[in-house]
PDB file of N, CA and C in Angstrom:
ATOM      1  N   MET A   1       0.847  -1.168   0.000  1.00  0.00           N
ATOM      2  CA  MET A   1       0.000   0.000   0.000  1.00  0.00           C
ATOM      3  C   MET A   1       0.892   1.229   0.000  1.00  0.00           C
ATOM      4  N   ALA A   2       0.593   2.206  -0.835  1.00  0.00           N
ATOM      5  CA  ALA A   2       1.399   3.414  -0.927  1.00  0.00           C
ATOM      6  C   ALA A   2       0.644   4.581  -0.314  1.00  0.00           C
ATOM      7  N   ARG A   3       1.375   5.542   0.175  1.00  0.00           N
ATOM      8  CA  ARG A   3       0.751   6.758   0.691  1.00  0.00           C
ATOM      9  C   ARG A   3       1.576   7.953   0.261  1.00  0.00           C
ATOM     10  N   ARG A   4       0.951   9.068   0.205  1.00  0.00           N
ATOM     11  CA  ARG A   4       1.622  10.296  -0.200  1.00  0.00           C
ATOM     12  C   ARG A   4       2.286  10.911   1.019  1.00  0.00           C
ATOM     13  N   THR A   5       3.538  11.284   0.869  1.00  0.00           N
ATOM     14  CA  THR A   5       4.240  11.966   1.954  1.00  0.00           C
ATOM     15  C   THR A   5       4.398  13.423   1.580  1.00  0.00           C
ATOM     16  N   GLY A   6       4.681  14.241   2.544  1.00  0.00           N
ATOM     17  CA  GLY A   6       4.750  15.679   2.337  1.00  0.00           C
ATOM     18  C   GLY A   6       5.831  16.137   1.382  1.00  0.00           C
ATOM     19  N   GLY A   7       5.526  16.247   0.098  1.00  0.00           N
ATOM     20  CA  GLY A   7       6.426  16.824  -0.872  1.00  0.00           C
ATOM     21  C   GLY A   7       7.562  15.937  -1.339  1.00  0.00           C
ATOM     22  N   ASP A   8       7.843  14.835  -0.666  1.00  0.00           N
ATOM     23  CA  ASP A   8       8.966  13.982  -1.041  1.00  0.00           C
ATOM     24  C   ASP A   8       8.597  12.904  -2.052  1.00  0.00           C
ATOM     25  N   GLY A   9       7.335  12.776  -2.413  1.00  0.00           N
ATOM     26  CA  GLY A   9       6.916  11.730  -3.339  1.00  0.00           C
ATOM     27  C   GLY A   9       6.147  10.648  -2.606  1.00  0.00           C
ATOM     28  N   TRP A  10       6.284   9.405  -3.080  1.00  0.00           N
ATOM     29  CA  TRP A  10       5.552   8.284  -2.515  1.00  0.00           C
ATOM     30  C   TRP A  10       6.427   7.485  -1.570  1.00  0.00           C
ATOM     31  N   SER A  11       5.811   6.901  -0.560  1.00  0.00           N
ATOM     32  CA  SER A  11       6.536   5.985   0.300  1.00  0.00           C
ATOM     33  C   SER A  11       5.716   4.713   0.418  1.00  0.00           C
ATOM     34  N   LEU A  12       6.376   3.601   0.559  1.00  0.00           N
ATOM     35  CA  LEU A  12       5.711   2.306   0.574  1.00  0.00           C
ATOM     36  C   LEU A  12       5.500   1.846   2.003  1.00  0.00           C
ATOM     37  N   LEU A  13       4.262   1.445   2.311  1.00  0.00           N
ATOM     38  CA  LEU A  13       3.937   0.848   3.596  1.00  0.00           C
ATOM     39  C   LEU A  13       3.777  -0.647   3.368  1.00  0.00           C
ATOM     40  N   SER A  14       4.399  -1.457   4.186  1.00  0.00           N
ATOM     41  CA  SER A  14       4.252  -2.902   4.024  1.00  0.00           C
ATOM     42  C   SER A  14       3.460  -3.475   5.187  1.00  0.00           C
ATOM     43  N   SER A  15       2.959  -4.670   4.966  1.00  0.00           N
ATOM     44  CA  SER A  15       2.189  -5.342   6.012  1.00  0.00           C
ATOM     45  C   SER A  15       3.049  -6.365   6.747  1.00  0.00           C
ATOM     46  N   ASN A  16       4.357  -6.171   6.738  1.00  0.00           N
ATOM     47  CA  ASN A  16       5.280  -7.078   7.431  1.00  0.00           C
ATOM     48  C   ASN A  16       5.193  -6.881   8.934  1.00  0.00           C
ATOM     49  N   ASP A  17       5.825  -7.815   9.660  1.00  0.00           N
ATOM     50  CA  ASP A  17       5.909  -7.689  11.111  1.00  0.00           C
ATOM     51  C   ASP A  17       6.713  -6.457  11.481  1.00  0.00           C
ATOM     52  N   ASP A  18       6.751  -6.149  12.773  1.00  0.00           N
ATOM     53  CA  ASP A  18       7.535  -5.013  13.249  1.00  0.00           C
ATOM     54  C   ASP A  18       9.005  -5.159  12.902  1.00  0.00           C
ATOM     55  N   ASP A  19       9.489  -6.401  12.825  1.00  0.00           N
ATOM     56  CA  ASP A  19      10.885  -6.641  12.477  1.00  0.00           C
ATOM     57  C   ASP A  19      11.150  -6.413  10.998  1.00  0.00           C
ATOM     58  N   GLY A  20      10.097  -6.316  10.189  1.00  0.00           N
ATOM     59  CA  GLY A  20      10.254  -6.203   8.755  1.00  0.00           C
ATOM     60  C   GLY A  20      10.555  -7.535   8.103  1.00  0.00           C
ATOM     61  N   ASP A  21      10.338  -8.621   8.842  1.00  0.00           N
ATOM     62  CA  ASP A  21      10.697  -9.954   8.380  1.00  0.00           C
ATOM     63  C   ASP A  21       9.469 -10.652   7.811  1.00  0.00           C
ATOM     64  N   SER A  22       9.490 -10.965   6.499  1.00  0.00           N
ATOM     65  CA  SER A  22       8.374 -11.670   5.884  1.00  0.00           C
ATOM     66  C   SER A  22       8.800 -13.055   5.403  1.00  0.00           C
ATOM     67  N   VAL A  23       9.948 -13.523   5.882  1.00  0.00           N
ATOM     68  CA  VAL A  23      10.484 -14.820   5.490  1.00  0.00           C
ATOM     69  C   VAL A  23       9.886 -15.907   6.377  1.00  0.00           C
ATOM     70  N   PRO A  24       9.406 -17.022   5.795  1.00  0.00           N
ATOM     71  CA  PRO A  24       8.866 -18.093   6.629  1.00  0.00           C
ATOM     72  C   PRO A  24       9.925 -18.681   7.552  1.00  0.00           C
ATOM     73  N   VAL A  25       9.519 -18.991   8.759  1.00  0.00           N
ATOM     74  CA  VAL A  25      10.439 -19.562   9.735  1.00  0.00           C
ATOM     75  C   VAL A  25      10.628 -21.047   9.471  1.00  0.00           C
ATOM     76  N   GLU A  26       9.580 -21.679   8.962  1.00  0.00           N
ATOM     77  CA  GLU A  26       9.591 -23.119   8.762  1.00  0.00           C
ATOM     78  C   GLU A  26       9.028 -23.440   7.384  1.00  0.00           C
ATOM     79  N   SER A  27       9.637 -24.384   6.700  1.00  0.00           N
ATOM     80  CA  SER A  27       9.163 -24.790   5.373  1.00  0.00           C
ATOM     81  C   SER A  27       7.961 -25.706   5.499  1.00  0.00           C
ATOM     82  N   ARG A  28       7.047 -25.573   4.559  1.00  0.00           N
ATOM     83  CA  ARG A  28       5.900 -26.464   4.482  1.00  0.00           C
ATOM     84  C   ARG A  28       6.333 -27.746   3.775  1.00  0.00           C
ATOM     85  N   ALA A  29       5.740 -28.873   4.119  1.00  0.00           N
ATOM     86  CA  ALA A  29       6.076 -30.156   3.503  1.00  0.00           C
ATOM     87  C   ALA A  29       5.770 -30.110   2.004  1.00  0.00           C
ATOM     88  N   PRO A  30       6.565 -30.806   1.182  1.00  0.00           N
ATOM     89  CA  PRO A  30       6.356 -30.767  -0.268  1.00  0.00           C
ATOM     90  C   PRO A  30       4.942 -31.147  -0.700  1.00  0.00           C
ATOM     91  N   GLY A  31       4.338 -32.133  -0.067  1.00  0.00           N
ATOM     92  CA  GLY A  31       3.007 -32.565  -0.451  1.00  0.00           C
ATOM     93  C   GLY A  31       1.904 -31.600  -0.064  1.00  0.00           C
ATOM     94  N   ASP A  32       2.202 -30.631   0.819  1.00  0.00           N
ATOM     95  CA  ASP A  32       1.203 -29.672   1.286  1.00  0.00           C
ATOM     96  C   ASP A  32       1.120 -28.412   0.428  1.00  0.00           C
ATOM     97  N   HIS A  33       1.958 -28.311  -0.585  1.00  0.00           N
ATOM     98  CA  HIS A  33       1.966 -27.138  -1.449  1.00  0.00           C
ATOM     99  C   HIS A  33       0.951 -27.267  -2.578  1.00  0.00           C
ATOM    100  N   ARG A  34       0.408 -26.134  -3.002  1.00  0.00           N
ATOM    101  CA  ARG A  34      -0.374 -26.039  -4.243  1.00  0.00           C
ATOM    102  C   ARG A  34       0.414 -25.099  -5.140  1.00  0.00           C
ATOM    103  N   ILE A  35       1.372 -25.671  -5.833  1.00  0.00           N
ATOM    104  CA  ILE A  35       2.310 -24.894  -6.631  1.00  0.00           C
ATOM    105  C   ILE A  35       1.685 -24.513  -7.967  1.00  0.00           C
ATOM    106  N   VAL A  36       1.993 -23.305  -8.405  1.00  0.00           N
ATOM    107  CA  VAL A  36       1.561 -22.824  -9.711  1.00  0.00           C
ATOM    108  C   VAL A  36       2.791 -22.738 -10.602  1.00  0.00           C
ATOM    109  N   VAL A  37       2.725 -23.388 -11.772  1.00  0.00           N
ATOM    110  CA  VAL A  37       3.801 -23.325 -12.760  1.00  0.00           C
ATOM    111  C   VAL A  37       3.238 -22.561 -13.952  1.00  0.00           C
ATOM    112  N   ALA A  38       3.792 -21.381 -14.226  1.00  0.00           N
ATOM    113  CA  ALA A  38       3.242 -20.516 -15.270  1.00  0.00           C
ATOM    114  C   ALA A  38       4.358 -19.962 -16.146  1.00  0.00           C
ATOM    115  N   LEU A  39       3.953 -19.372 -17.249  1.00  0.00           N
ATOM    116  CA  LEU A  39       4.876 -18.762 -18.193  1.00  0.00           C
ATOM    117  C   LEU A  39       4.718 -17.252 -18.107  1.00  0.00           C
ATOM    118  N   SER A  40       5.836 -16.552 -18.140  1.00  0.00           N
ATOM    119  CA  SER A  40       5.810 -15.099 -18.064  1.00  0.00           C
ATOM    120  C   SER A  40       6.745 -14.538 -19.124  1.00  0.00           C
ATOM    121  N   LYS A  41       6.359 -13.412 -19.731  1.00  0.00           N
ATOM    122  CA  LYS A  41       7.214 -12.755 -20.715  1.00  0.00           C
ATOM    123  C   LYS A  41       7.920 -11.592 -20.054  1.00  0.00           C
ATOM    124  N   ARG A  42       9.183 -11.453 -20.341  1.00  0.00           N
ATOM    125  CA  ARG A  42      10.000 -10.366 -19.810  1.00  0.00           C
ATOM    126  C   ARG A  42      10.298  -9.363 -20.921  1.00  0.00           C
ATOM    127  N   ALA A  43      11.111  -8.401 -20.586  1.00  0.00           N
ATOM    128  CA  ALA A  43      11.508  -7.394 -21.556  1.00  0.00           C
ATOM    129  C   ALA A  43      12.200  -8.043 -22.751  1.00  0.00           C
ATOM    130  N   LYS A  44      12.062  -7.429 -23.883  1.00  0.00           N
ATOM    131  CA  LYS A  44      12.677  -7.902 -25.128  1.00  0.00           C
ATOM    132  C   LYS A  44      12.165  -9.278 -25.545  1.00  0.00           C
ATOM    133  N   GLY A  45      10.973  -9.663 -25.094  1.00  0.00           N
ATOM    134  CA  GLY A  45      10.364 -10.916 -25.521  1.00  0.00           C
ATOM    135  C   GLY A  45      10.915 -12.166 -24.879  1.00  0.00           C
ATOM    136  N   LYS A  46      11.722 -12.034 -23.845  1.00  0.00           N
ATOM    137  CA  LYS A  46      12.269 -13.206 -23.156  1.00  0.00           C
ATOM    138  C   LYS A  46      11.158 -13.935 -22.410  1.00  0.00           C
ATOM    139  N   VAL A  47      11.212 -15.265 -22.429  1.00  0.00           N
ATOM    140  CA  VAL A  47      10.200 -16.089 -21.780  1.00  0.00           C
ATOM    141  C   VAL A  47      10.811 -16.731 -20.536  1.00  0.00           C
ATOM    142  N   VAL A  48      10.058 -16.713 -19.440  1.00  0.00           N
ATOM    143  CA  VAL A  48      10.519 -17.254 -18.168  1.00  0.00           C
ATOM    144  C   VAL A  48       9.427 -18.162 -17.602  1.00  0.00           C
ATOM    145  N   THR A  49       9.820 -19.342 -17.121  1.00  0.00           N
ATOM    146  CA  THR A  49       8.895 -20.228 -16.414  1.00  0.00           C
ATOM    147  C   THR A  49       8.936 -19.853 -14.942  1.00  0.00           C
ATOM    148  N   VAL A  50       7.772 -19.616 -14.349  1.00  0.00           N
ATOM    149  CA  VAL A  50       7.674 -19.176 -12.959  1.00  0.00           C
ATOM    150  C   VAL A  50       7.005 -20.268 -12.134  1.00  0.00           C
ATOM    151  N   VAL A  51       7.666 -20.689 -11.064  1.00  0.00           N
ATOM    152  CA  VAL A  51       7.111 -21.648 -10.105  1.00  0.00           C
ATOM    153  C   VAL A  51       6.867 -20.847  -8.827  1.00  0.00           C
ATOM    154  N   ARG A  52       5.581 -20.664  -8.475  1.00  0.00           N
ATOM    155  CA  ARG A  52       5.271 -19.787  -7.335  1.00  0.00           C
ATOM    156  C   ARG A  52       4.348 -20.462  -6.324  1.00  0.00           C
ATOM    157  N   ASP A  53       4.002 -19.716  -5.299  1.00  0.00           N
ATOM    158  CA  ASP A  53       3.196 -20.173  -4.162  1.00  0.00           C
ATOM    159  C   ASP A  53       3.961 -21.202  -3.332  1.00  0.00           C
ATOM    160  N   LEU A  54       5.242 -20.969  -3.157  1.00  0.00           N
ATOM    161  CA  LEU A  54       6.099 -21.839  -2.352  1.00  0.00           C
ATOM    162  C   LEU A  54       6.275 -21.226  -0.974  1.00  0.00           C
ATOM    163  N   VAL A  55       6.070 -22.009   0.059  1.00  0.00           N
ATOM    164  CA  VAL A  55       6.285 -21.559   1.435  1.00  0.00           C
ATOM    165  C   VAL A  55       7.504 -22.316   1.947  1.00  0.00           C
ATOM    166  N   LEU A  56       8.669 -21.740   1.701  1.00  0.00           N
ATOM    167  CA  LEU A  56       9.940 -22.378   2.044  1.00  0.00           C
ATOM    168  C   LEU A  56      10.876 -21.363   2.670  1.00  0.00           C
ATOM    169  N   THR A  57      11.774 -21.844   3.510  1.00  0.00           N
ATOM    170  CA  THR A  57      12.820 -20.985   4.039  1.00  0.00           C
ATOM    171  C   THR A  57      13.762 -20.636   2.885  1.00  0.00           C
ATOM    172  N   PRO A  58      14.530 -19.576   3.009  1.00  0.00           N
ATOM    173  CA  PRO A  58      15.427 -19.191   1.915  1.00  0.00           C
ATOM    174  C   PRO A  58      16.394 -20.300   1.495  1.00  0.00           C
ATOM    175  N   SER A  59      16.912 -21.060   2.442  1.00  0.00           N
ATOM    176  CA  SER A  59      17.848 -22.126   2.073  1.00  0.00           C
ATOM    177  C   SER A  59      17.137 -23.269   1.344  1.00  0.00           C
ATOM    178  N   ASP A  60      15.919 -23.614   1.777  1.00  0.00           N
ATOM    179  CA  ASP A  60      15.148 -24.652   1.082  1.00  0.00           C
ATOM    180  C   ASP A  60      14.733 -24.193  -0.310  1.00  0.00           C
ATOM    181  N   LEU A  61      14.378 -22.922  -0.442  1.00  0.00           N
ATOM    182  CA  LEU A  61      14.010 -22.374  -1.741  1.00  0.00           C
ATOM    183  C   LEU A  61      15.208 -22.408  -2.696  1.00  0.00           C
ATOM    184  N   LYS A  62      16.367 -22.074  -2.176  1.00  0.00           N
ATOM    185  CA  LYS A  62      17.582 -22.108  -2.990  1.00  0.00           C
ATOM    186  C   LYS A  62      17.883 -23.535  -3.448  1.00  0.00           C
ATOM    187  N   SER A  63      17.721 -24.507  -2.557  1.00  0.00           N
ATOM    188  CA  SER A  63      17.954 -25.913  -2.912  1.00  0.00           C
ATOM    189  C   SER A  63      16.969 -26.392  -3.971  1.00  0.00           C
ATOM    190  N   LEU A  64      15.698 -26.028  -3.815  1.00  0.00           N
ATOM    191  CA  LEU A  64      14.688 -26.411  -4.803  1.00  0.00           C
ATOM    192  C   LEU A  64      14.993 -25.759  -6.144  1.00  0.00           C
ATOM    193  N   GLY A  65      15.375 -24.498  -6.128  1.00  0.00           N
ATOM    194  CA  GLY A  65      15.716 -23.803  -7.367  1.00  0.00           C
ATOM    195  C   GLY A  65      16.870 -24.464  -8.081  1.00  0.00           C
ATOM    196  N   LYS A  66      17.884 -24.858  -7.340  1.00  0.00           N
ATOM    197  CA  LYS A  66      19.039 -25.530  -7.937  1.00  0.00           C
ATOM    198  C   LYS A  66      18.635 -26.874  -8.546  1.00  0.00           C
ATOM    199  N   ALA A  67      17.803 -27.631  -7.834  1.00  0.00           N
ATOM    200  CA  ALA A  67      17.354 -28.928  -8.344  1.00  0.00           C
ATOM    201  C   ALA A  67      16.508 -28.760  -9.611  1.00  0.00           C
ATOM    202  N   LEU A  68      15.630 -27.766  -9.626  1.00  0.00           N
ATOM    203  CA  LEU A  68      14.806 -27.515 -10.809  1.00  0.00           C
ATOM    204  C   LEU A  68      15.655 -27.053 -11.995  1.00  0.00           C
ATOM    205  N   LYS A  69      16.638 -26.206 -11.740  1.00  0.00           N
ATOM    206  CA  LYS A  69      17.517 -25.758 -12.820  1.00  0.00           C
ATOM    207  C   LYS A  69      18.283 -26.925 -13.417  1.00  0.00           C
ATOM    208  N   ASN A  70      18.748 -27.835 -12.565  1.00  0.00           N
ATOM    209  CA  ASN A  70      19.453 -29.023 -13.060  1.00  0.00           C
ATOM    210  C   ASN A  70      18.517 -29.939 -13.839  1.00  0.00           C
ATOM    211  N   ALA A  71      17.302 -30.135 -13.340  1.00  0.00           N
ATOM    212  CA  ALA A  71      16.345 -31.020 -13.999  1.00  0.00           C
ATOM    213  C   ALA A  71      15.923 -30.476 -15.357  1.00  0.00           C
ATOM    214  N   CYS A  72      15.822 -29.157 -15.467  1.00  0.00           N
ATOM    215  CA  CYS A  72      15.382 -28.544 -16.722  1.00  0.00           C
ATOM    216  C   CYS A  72      16.542 -28.179 -17.635  1.00  0.00           C
ATOM    217  N   GLY A  73      17.752 -28.245 -17.112  1.00  0.00           N
ATOM    218  CA  GLY A  73      18.920 -27.921 -17.924  1.00  0.00           C
ATOM    219  C   GLY A  73      18.960 -26.463 -18.341  1.00  0.00           C
ATOM    220  N   THR A  74      18.638 -25.572 -17.412  1.00  0.00           N
ATOM    221  CA  THR A  74      18.591 -24.151 -17.729  1.00  0.00           C
ATOM    222  C   THR A  74      19.032 -23.323 -16.532  1.00  0.00           C
ATOM    223  N   GLY A  75      19.188 -22.046 -16.721  1.00  0.00           N
ATOM    224  CA  GLY A  75      19.534 -21.137 -15.642  1.00  0.00           C
ATOM    225  C   GLY A  75      18.287 -20.574 -15.009  1.00  0.00           C
ATOM    226  N   GLY A  76      18.478 -19.813 -13.965  1.00  0.00           N
ATOM    227  CA  GLY A  76      17.340 -19.198 -13.304  1.00  0.00           C
ATOM    228  C   GLY A  76      17.714 -18.635 -11.958  1.00  0.00           C
ATOM    229  N   THR A  77      16.689 -18.279 -11.186  1.00  0.00           N
ATOM    230  CA  THR A  77      16.895 -17.709  -9.859  1.00  0.00           C
ATOM    231  C   THR A  77      15.791 -18.178  -8.920  1.00  0.00           C
ATOM    232  N   ALA A  78      16.075 -18.091  -7.631  1.00  0.00           N
ATOM    233  CA  ALA A  78      15.098 -18.467  -6.605  1.00  0.00           C
ATOM    234  C   ALA A  78      15.147 -17.423  -5.502  1.00  0.00           C
ATOM    235  N   LYS A  79      14.074 -16.653  -5.380  1.00  0.00           N
ATOM    236  CA  LYS A  79      14.001 -15.637  -4.330  1.00  0.00           C
ATOM    237  C   LYS A  79      12.569 -15.214  -4.115  1.00  0.00           C
ATOM    238  N   GLY A  80      12.260 -14.816  -2.914  1.00  0.00           N
ATOM    239  CA  GLY A  80      10.936 -14.305  -2.593  1.00  0.00           C
ATOM    240  C   GLY A  80       9.804 -15.310  -2.756  1.00  0.00           C
ATOM    241  N   GLY A  81      10.060 -16.578  -2.508  1.00  0.00           N
ATOM    242  CA  GLY A  81       9.027 -17.593  -2.630  1.00  0.00           C
ATOM    243  C   GLY A  81       8.715 -17.987  -4.061  1.00  0.00           C
ATOM    244  N   VAL A  82       9.580 -17.598  -5.009  1.00  0.00           N
ATOM    245  CA  VAL A  82       9.364 -17.869  -6.425  1.00  0.00           C
ATOM    246  C   VAL A  82      10.653 -18.407  -7.030  1.00  0.00           C
ATOM    247  N   VAL A  83      10.510 -19.417  -7.890  1.00  0.00           N
ATOM    248  CA  VAL A  83      11.638 -19.916  -8.678  1.00  0.00           C
ATOM    249  C   VAL A  83      11.368 -19.532 -10.124  1.00  0.00           C
ATOM    250  N   GLU A  84      12.329 -18.837 -10.751  1.00  0.00           N
ATOM    251  CA  GLU A  84      12.221 -18.457 -12.148  1.00  0.00           C
ATOM    252  C   GLU A  84      13.240 -19.248 -12.949  1.00  0.00           C
ATOM    253  N   LEU A  85      12.779 -19.880 -14.029  1.00  0.00           N
ATOM    254  CA  LEU A  85      13.632 -20.675 -14.900  1.00  0.00           C
ATOM    255  C   LEU A  85      13.637 -20.040 -16.284  1.00  0.00           C
ATOM    256  N   GLN A  86      14.798 -19.925 -16.885  1.00  0.00           N
ATOM    257  CA  GLN A  86      14.907 -19.302 -18.194  1.00  0.00           C
ATOM    258  C   GLN A  86      14.296 -20.208 -19.261  1.00  0.00           C
ATOM    259  N   GLY A  87      13.449 -19.629 -20.081  1.00  0.00           N
ATOM    260  CA  GLY A  87      12.834 -20.367 -21.176  1.00  0.00           C
ATOM    261  C   GLY A  87      11.527 -21.026 -20.769  1.00  0.00           C
ATOM    262  N   ASP A  88      10.899 -21.685 -21.744  1.00  0.00           N
ATOM    263  CA  ASP A  88       9.643 -22.379 -21.512  1.00  0.00           C
ATOM    264  C   ASP A  88       9.937 -23.830 -21.166  1.00  0.00           C
ATOM    265  N   CYS A  89       9.975 -24.132 -19.880  1.00  0.00           N
ATOM    266  CA  CYS A  89      10.214 -25.509 -19.430  1.00  0.00           C
ATOM    267  C   CYS A  89       9.150 -25.919 -18.417  1.00  0.00           C
ATOM    268  N   ARG A  90       7.909 -25.492 -18.678  1.00  0.00           N
ATOM    269  CA  ARG A  90       6.792 -25.800 -17.775  1.00  0.00           C
ATOM    270  C   ARG A  90       6.581 -27.301 -17.632  1.00  0.00           C
ATOM    271  N   ASP A  91       6.602 -28.020 -18.750  1.00  0.00           N
ATOM    272  CA  ASP A  91       6.344 -29.468 -18.702  1.00  0.00           C
ATOM    273  C   ASP A  91       7.417 -30.200 -17.910  1.00  0.00           C
ATOM    274  N   ARG A  92       8.686 -29.877 -18.172  1.00  0.00           N
ATOM    275  CA  ARG A  92       9.775 -30.547 -17.440  1.00  0.00           C
ATOM    276  C   ARG A  92       9.733 -30.208 -15.961  1.00  0.00           C
ATOM    277  N   ALA A  93       9.464 -28.944 -15.623  1.00  0.00           N
ATOM    278  CA  ALA A  93       9.392 -28.540 -14.218  1.00  0.00           C
ATOM    279  C   ALA A  93       8.222 -29.231 -13.523  1.00  0.00           C
ATOM    280  N   ARG A  94       7.059 -29.250 -14.180  1.00  0.00           N
ATOM    281  CA  ARG A  94       5.873 -29.884 -13.596  1.00  0.00           C
ATOM    282  C   ARG A  94       6.107 -31.383 -13.393  1.00  0.00           C
ATOM    283  N   ASP A  95       6.690 -32.049 -14.398  1.00  0.00           N
ATOM    284  CA  ASP A  95       6.975 -33.482 -14.279  1.00  0.00           C
ATOM    285  C   ASP A  95       7.939 -33.766 -13.134  1.00  0.00           C
ATOM    286  N   TRP A  96       8.994 -32.951 -13.011  1.00  0.00           N
ATOM    287  CA  TRP A  96       9.978 -33.156 -11.944  1.00  0.00           C
ATOM    288  C   TRP A  96       9.339 -32.937 -10.578  1.00  0.00           C
ATOM    289  N   LEU A  97       8.524 -31.888 -10.450  1.00  0.00           N
ATOM    290  CA  LEU A  97       7.869 -31.605  -9.169  1.00  0.00           C
ATOM    291  C   LEU A  97       6.941 -32.733  -8.759  1.00  0.00           C
ATOM    292  N   GLN A  98       6.150 -33.261  -9.687  1.00  0.00           N
ATOM    293  CA  GLN A  98       5.233 -34.353  -9.389  1.00  0.00           C
ATOM    294  C   GLN A  98       6.000 -35.633  -9.057  1.00  0.00           C
ATOM    295  N   ALA A  99       7.067 -35.907  -9.775  1.00  0.00           N
ATOM    296  CA  ALA A  99       7.862 -37.105  -9.528  1.00  0.00           C
ATOM    297  C   ALA A  99       8.539 -37.074  -8.167  1.00  0.00           C
ATOM    298  N   ASN A 100       8.783 -35.880  -7.639  1.00  0.00           N
ATOM    299  CA  ASN A 100       9.459 -35.739  -6.361  1.00  0.00           C
ATOM    300  C   ASN A 100       8.516 -35.386  -5.209  1.00  0.00           C
ATOM    301  N   GLY A 101       7.210 -35.577  -5.418  1.00  0.00           N
ATOM    302  CA  GLY A 101       6.252 -35.458  -4.326  1.00  0.00           C
ATOM    303  C   GLY A 101       5.751 -34.068  -4.021  1.00  0.00           C
ATOM    304  N   TRP A 102       5.978 -33.088  -4.907  1.00  0.00           N
ATOM    305  CA  TRP A 102       5.487 -31.733  -4.665  1.00  0.00           C
ATOM    306  C   TRP A 102       4.050 -31.641  -5.123  1.00  0.00           C
ATOM    307  N   GLY A 103       3.235 -30.885  -4.387  1.00  0.00           N
ATOM    308  CA  GLY A 103       1.808 -30.771  -4.661  1.00  0.00           C
ATOM    309  C   GLY A 103       1.491 -30.007  -5.918  1.00  0.00           C
TER     310      GLY A 103
END
């Protein structure tokens, strides 16, 4: 949510805790997730496969991202509860997730 501040422009208000920490303390079990695997277009027409709705600690998210990148044979990133894979590899990502017990 944004609000107008006195003459300085916009400032962002977040709904985070007082600590400003929005990172999960504990990872949810793989079978308890309802993961969404979607395709997204980036600047200059680049296509990215997005795996989202993950409730994982940063280290678990990083491990999952690395495993997915290896399974799909592509690069990518894992941050903020989302794994992004370069290119259209929805089928390979979905197959790997299902084979490894992810919801």
